[in-house]
Amino acid sequence: MMITATGPAVPAAGIPKKLKAASVELEAAFMAEMLKSAGLGQARSSFGGGAGEDQFASFLVQQQAQQMARAGGIGLSEILFNAMMESSDG
């Protein structure tokens, strides 16, 4: 009977890159909801853009949240990335 020791699992080359992208997208979704809750994207009472503004406000908020997350965000993506890396190792 032969027993061999194996080292820690080594993640595939593309896995960390995919996990990082997923964590940034999760942070962007979270930030978009927080921005909506804070009132960003709501129609203004004066000098507003009318019905068109109401239709496209959610797209603007989503893009703003994505740019904020890609620029470093609030640090949530790093926490999510580390948690996903730990769970993929074990």
N, C-alpha and C. Protein backbone atom coordinates (compact mmCIF):
# COMPACT_ATOMS: atom_id res chain seq x y z
N MET A 1 0.84 -1.16 0.00
CA MET A 1 0.00 0.00 0.00
C MET A 1 0.89 1.24 0.00
N MET A 2 0.63 2.12 -0.95
CA MET A 2 1.44 3.32 -1.09
C MET A 2 0.61 4.55 -0.72
N ILE A 3 1.14 5.39 0.12
CA ILE A 3 0.46 6.63 0.53
C ILE A 3 1.29 7.80 0.03
N THR A 4 0.64 8.69 -0.66
CA THR A 4 1.35 9.86 -1.17
C THR A 4 0.73 11.12 -0.57
N ALA A 5 1.58 12.07 -0.31
CA ALA A 5 1.12 13.35 0.23
C ALA A 5 0.89 14.32 -0.92
N THR A 6 -0.17 15.06 -0.82
CA THR A 6 -0.43 16.07 -1.85
C THR A 6 -0.37 17.45 -1.19
N GLY A 7 0.10 18.41 -1.96
CA GLY A 7 0.18 19.78 -1.47
C GLY A 7 -1.17 20.46 -1.56
N PRO A 8 -1.22 21.72 -1.19
CA PRO A 8 -2.48 22.45 -1.28
C PRO A 8 -2.92 22.57 -2.73
N ALA A 9 -4.22 22.62 -2.91
CA ALA A 9 -4.77 22.72 -4.26
C ALA A 9 -4.35 24.04 -4.89
N VAL A 10 -3.89 23.98 -6.12
CA VAL A 10 -3.48 25.17 -6.85
C VAL A 10 -4.62 25.54 -7.80
N PRO A 11 -5.15 26.76 -7.68
CA PRO A 11 -6.25 27.15 -8.55
C PRO A 11 -5.80 27.26 -10.00
N ALA A 12 -6.74 27.00 -10.90
CA ALA A 12 -6.45 27.14 -12.32
C ALA A 12 -6.08 28.59 -12.61
N ALA A 13 -5.35 28.80 -13.68
CA ALA A 13 -4.82 30.13 -13.97
C ALA A 13 -5.89 31.21 -14.12
N GLY A 14 -7.03 30.87 -14.71
CA GLY A 14 -8.06 31.88 -14.96
C GLY A 14 -9.03 32.09 -13.82
N ILE A 15 -9.00 31.22 -12.83
CA ILE A 15 -9.98 31.29 -11.74
C ILE A 15 -9.86 32.59 -10.95
N PRO A 16 -8.68 33.01 -10.48
CA PRO A 16 -8.62 34.26 -9.73
C PRO A 16 -9.12 35.47 -10.53
N LYS A 17 -8.83 35.50 -11.81
CA LYS A 17 -9.28 36.61 -12.65
C LYS A 17 -10.81 36.64 -12.74
N LYS A 18 -11.42 35.47 -12.89
CA LYS A 18 -12.88 35.38 -12.96
C LYS A 18 -13.52 35.73 -11.63
N LEU A 19 -12.90 35.28 -10.53
CA LEU A 19 -13.43 35.60 -9.21
C LEU A 19 -13.31 37.10 -8.92
N LYS A 20 -12.23 37.72 -9.36
CA LYS A 20 -12.06 39.16 -9.15
C LYS A 20 -13.13 39.92 -9.92
N ALA A 21 -13.38 39.52 -11.16
CA ALA A 21 -14.41 40.19 -11.96
C ALA A 21 -15.79 40.01 -11.33
N ALA A 22 -16.07 38.82 -10.83
CA ALA A 22 -17.36 38.56 -10.19
C ALA A 22 -17.51 39.37 -8.92
N SER A 23 -16.43 39.51 -8.15
CA SER A 23 -16.52 40.28 -6.91
C SER A 23 -16.74 41.76 -7.18
N VAL A 24 -16.14 42.28 -8.24
CA VAL A 24 -16.36 43.69 -8.61
C VAL A 24 -17.80 43.89 -9.06
N GLU A 25 -18.35 42.94 -9.82
CA GLU A 25 -19.74 43.04 -10.26
C GLU A 25 -20.71 42.97 -9.08
N LEU A 26 -20.41 42.13 -8.11
CA LEU A 26 -21.25 42.06 -6.91
C LEU A 26 -21.20 43.37 -6.13
N GLU A 27 -20.01 43.94 -6.02
CA GLU A 27 -19.91 45.22 -5.33
C GLU A 27 -20.67 46.30 -6.09
N ALA A 28 -20.59 46.29 -7.42
CA ALA A 28 -21.31 47.28 -8.22
C ALA A 28 -22.81 47.15 -8.03
N ALA A 29 -23.31 45.93 -7.98
CA ALA A 29 -24.75 45.73 -7.76
C ALA A 29 -25.16 46.23 -6.39
N PHE A 30 -24.34 45.96 -5.39
CA PHE A 30 -24.62 46.44 -4.04
C PHE A 30 -24.62 47.97 -4.00
N MET A 31 -23.62 48.57 -4.61
CA MET A 31 -23.51 50.01 -4.60
C MET A 31 -24.66 50.67 -5.37
N ALA A 32 -25.11 50.04 -6.45
CA ALA A 32 -26.25 50.58 -7.20
C ALA A 32 -27.50 50.62 -6.33
N GLU A 33 -27.72 49.57 -5.57
CA GLU A 33 -28.88 49.55 -4.67
C GLU A 33 -28.75 50.60 -3.58
N MET A 34 -27.54 50.79 -3.07
CA MET A 34 -27.33 51.80 -2.04
C MET A 34 -27.53 53.21 -2.61
N LEU A 35 -27.05 53.44 -3.83
CA LEU A 35 -27.25 54.74 -4.47
C LEU A 35 -28.72 55.02 -4.72
N LYS A 36 -29.46 53.98 -5.13
CA LYS A 36 -30.91 54.14 -5.34
C LYS A 36 -31.59 54.47 -4.02
N SER A 37 -31.19 53.80 -2.96
CA SER A 37 -31.78 54.06 -1.64
C SER A 37 -31.46 55.47 -1.15
N ALA A 38 -30.31 55.98 -1.55
CA ALA A 38 -29.92 57.33 -1.16
C ALA A 38 -30.62 58.40 -1.98
N GLY A 39 -31.35 57.98 -3.01
CA GLY A 39 -32.11 58.94 -3.81
C GLY A 39 -31.46 59.32 -5.12
N LEU A 40 -30.30 58.76 -5.43
CA LEU A 40 -29.66 59.07 -6.71
C LEU A 40 -30.49 58.45 -7.83
N GLY A 41 -30.76 59.22 -8.85
CA GLY A 41 -31.54 58.70 -9.97
C GLY A 41 -33.02 59.03 -9.89
N GLN A 42 -33.44 59.65 -8.81
CA GLN A 42 -34.84 60.05 -8.72
C GLN A 42 -35.03 61.35 -9.50
N ALA A 43 -36.22 61.49 -10.08
CA ALA A 43 -36.52 62.68 -10.88
C ALA A 43 -36.52 63.91 -9.99
N ARG A 44 -35.99 64.99 -10.51
CA ARG A 44 -35.99 66.26 -9.79
C ARG A 44 -37.34 66.93 -9.92
N SER A 45 -37.69 67.74 -8.95
CA SER A 45 -38.99 68.41 -8.98
C SER A 45 -39.00 69.59 -9.95
N SER A 46 -37.84 70.21 -10.18
CA SER A 46 -37.78 71.32 -11.13
C SER A 46 -36.64 71.09 -12.11
N PHE A 47 -36.83 71.53 -13.31
CA PHE A 47 -35.84 71.40 -14.37
C PHE A 47 -35.43 69.95 -14.60
N GLY A 48 -36.37 69.05 -14.46
CA GLY A 48 -36.10 67.64 -14.67
C GLY A 48 -36.14 67.28 -16.15
N GLY A 49 -35.78 66.07 -16.45
CA GLY A 49 -35.74 65.61 -17.83
C GLY A 49 -37.02 64.96 -18.30
N GLY A 50 -38.04 64.96 -17.47
CA GLY A 50 -39.32 64.40 -17.88
C GLY A 50 -39.33 62.89 -17.87
N ALA A 51 -40.16 62.32 -18.75
CA ALA A 51 -40.34 60.87 -18.80
C ALA A 51 -39.05 60.16 -19.22
N GLY A 52 -38.27 60.79 -20.09
CA GLY A 52 -37.02 60.19 -20.54
C GLY A 52 -36.04 59.99 -19.40
N GLU A 53 -36.00 60.96 -18.51
CA GLU A 53 -35.11 60.85 -17.36
C GLU A 53 -35.52 59.69 -16.47
N ASP A 54 -36.81 59.53 -16.26
CA ASP A 54 -37.30 58.43 -15.45
C ASP A 54 -36.95 57.08 -16.06
N GLN A 55 -37.01 57.00 -17.39
CA GLN A 55 -36.75 55.73 -18.07
C GLN A 55 -35.30 55.29 -17.98
N PHE A 56 -34.38 56.25 -18.02
CA PHE A 56 -32.96 55.91 -18.12
C PHE A 56 -32.16 56.15 -16.84
N ALA A 57 -32.81 56.60 -15.79
CA ALA A 57 -32.10 56.89 -14.54
C ALA A 57 -31.45 55.65 -13.95
N SER A 58 -32.11 54.50 -14.05
CA SER A 58 -31.54 53.28 -13.48
C SER A 58 -30.26 52.86 -14.21
N PHE A 59 -30.21 53.11 -15.53
CA PHE A 59 -29.00 52.78 -16.29
C PHE A 59 -27.84 53.67 -15.85
N LEU A 60 -28.12 54.94 -15.60
CA LEU A 60 -27.09 55.86 -15.15
C LEU A 60 -26.56 55.45 -13.78
N VAL A 61 -27.45 55.12 -12.88
CA VAL A 61 -27.03 54.71 -11.54
C VAL A 61 -26.19 53.43 -11.61
N GLN A 62 -26.60 52.48 -12.45
CA GLN A 62 -25.85 51.23 -12.59
C GLN A 62 -24.44 51.49 -13.13
N GLN A 63 -24.33 52.34 -14.13
CA GLN A 63 -23.01 52.65 -14.69
C GLN A 63 -22.13 53.40 -13.69
N GLN A 64 -22.73 54.31 -12.95
CA GLN A 64 -21.97 55.02 -11.93
C GLN A 64 -21.45 54.05 -10.87
N ALA A 65 -22.29 53.12 -10.46
CA ALA A 65 -21.89 52.13 -9.46
C ALA A 65 -20.78 51.23 -10.01
N GLN A 66 -20.86 50.83 -11.27
CA GLN A 66 -19.82 50.00 -11.86
C GLN A 66 -18.49 50.75 -11.92
N GLN A 67 -18.53 52.01 -12.30
CA GLN A 67 -17.29 52.79 -12.36
C GLN A 67 -16.69 52.98 -10.97
N MET A 68 -17.53 53.20 -9.99
CA MET A 68 -17.04 53.35 -8.62
C MET A 68 -16.42 52.04 -8.13
N ALA A 69 -17.04 50.91 -8.43
CA ALA A 69 -16.52 49.61 -8.00
C ALA A 69 -15.19 49.31 -8.69
N ARG A 70 -15.09 49.62 -9.99
CA ARG A 70 -13.84 49.37 -10.72
C ARG A 70 -12.70 50.27 -10.24
N ALA A 71 -13.06 51.44 -9.72
CA ALA A 71 -12.04 52.38 -9.23
C ALA A 71 -11.62 52.09 -7.80
N GLY A 72 -12.15 51.04 -7.21
CA GLY A 72 -11.76 50.67 -5.85
C GLY A 72 -12.94 50.56 -4.92
N GLY A 73 -14.01 51.25 -5.23
CA GLY A 73 -15.25 51.13 -4.46
C GLY A 73 -15.07 51.38 -2.98
N ILE A 74 -15.76 50.59 -2.20
CA ILE A 74 -15.73 50.72 -0.75
C ILE A 74 -14.97 49.57 -0.09
N GLY A 75 -14.31 48.76 -0.90
CA GLY A 75 -13.52 47.64 -0.37
C GLY A 75 -14.28 46.33 -0.28
N LEU A 76 -15.53 46.34 -0.65
CA LEU A 76 -16.34 45.13 -0.57
C LEU A 76 -15.87 44.06 -1.54
N SER A 77 -15.44 44.47 -2.74
CA SER A 77 -15.01 43.48 -3.73
C SER A 77 -13.78 42.71 -3.25
N GLU A 78 -12.89 43.36 -2.54
CA GLU A 78 -11.70 42.68 -2.02
C GLU A 78 -12.08 41.64 -0.97
N ILE A 79 -13.03 41.97 -0.12
CA ILE A 79 -13.50 41.03 0.90
C ILE A 79 -14.19 39.84 0.23
N LEU A 80 -15.02 40.13 -0.77
CA LEU A 80 -15.71 39.05 -1.49
C LEU A 80 -14.71 38.17 -2.23
N PHE A 81 -13.72 38.79 -2.86
CA PHE A 81 -12.70 38.03 -3.59
C PHE A 81 -11.94 37.09 -2.66
N ASN A 82 -11.51 37.62 -1.52
CA ASN A 82 -10.77 36.78 -0.56
C ASN A 82 -11.63 35.63 -0.05
N ALA A 83 -12.90 35.89 0.21
CA ALA A 83 -13.80 34.82 0.68
C ALA A 83 -13.99 33.76 -0.40
N MET A 84 -14.13 34.19 -1.65
CA MET A 84 -14.30 33.21 -2.73
C MET A 84 -13.04 32.41 -2.98
N MET A 85 -11.88 33.05 -2.83
CA MET A 85 -10.61 32.32 -3.00
C MET A 85 -10.44 31.28 -1.90
N GLU A 86 -10.81 31.63 -0.67
CA GLU A 86 -10.70 30.68 0.43
C GLU A 86 -11.63 29.50 0.20
N SER A 87 -12.85 29.76 -0.25
CA SER A 87 -13.80 28.66 -0.45
C SER A 87 -13.41 27.80 -1.65
N SER A 88 -12.72 28.37 -2.63
CA SER A 88 -12.31 27.56 -3.78
C SER A 88 -11.08 26.72 -3.47
N ASP A 89 -10.30 27.11 -2.44
CA ASP A 89 -9.11 26.34 -2.05
C ASP A 89 -9.49 25.07 -1.32
N GLY A 90 -10.53 25.13 -0.54
CA GLY A 90 -10.83 24.00 0.32
C GLY A 90 -11.85 23.15 -0.25
